[in-house]
Amino acid sequence: MLVPHPLTVTLPLHEPRTIEFDVEMAPTRTFVYVQFRVESPTELEEVYFRPHKTGLPDAVQYNPVWRGDSFWQLWHGPDASASPQFRFGAWTHVKLVLQGERGALFLDGAPKATMTMNFGRTPRSGYMSFRAFTPDTSLLRGEAAARFANLVVQPGVVGHDFGPAVP
């Protein structure tokens, strides 16, 4: 599925929940988002990929959004950013596990989480959406910033032991 504009999937919140999908990303300067617990365009949580920063400490980042303000500068470190190596010209399988105030991100079927998050926002009902963009569309040469496929949402399925809550 080519996503030229944000794709919104409306789902009631039944947590715990596992969200799985495949994404193909361009190696150029792009930003690829999965947004969840979206109450409105200004109140949400998101995980985004920066394929152009593959292998760097902020190649993947968790970000809470309040009143339309993004706090990516304040959310960093092991529970908010990670440094995976992305593959280009191939699909990346993404699994996002949500359970209360914690989440885990897995890439390409890895048994160990790429990133385990302590969410900044109180869990609330909402919908989810996917989006991707590039600040310079000429870099894409007519290609999409990202393609998404094989979305599966599993309410009540966790498949990850978060261990004790982290203060």
Foldseek 3Di string as FASTA:
>chain_A
DFPPDKDWDWDWDFPQKKKKWKKAADLPQKKKWKWPLDPDQQFTKIKIAGNVQAQDFARIFIWGGHRNDTDRVPGGDQQTTAHHHDDHPDIKMWMWTDHFQKIFIDIPPDLDTRGIHRHPDGRDITIIIIDMDHPDCVVCVPHGRMDMDDIDMDRPDGSDDPDDDDD
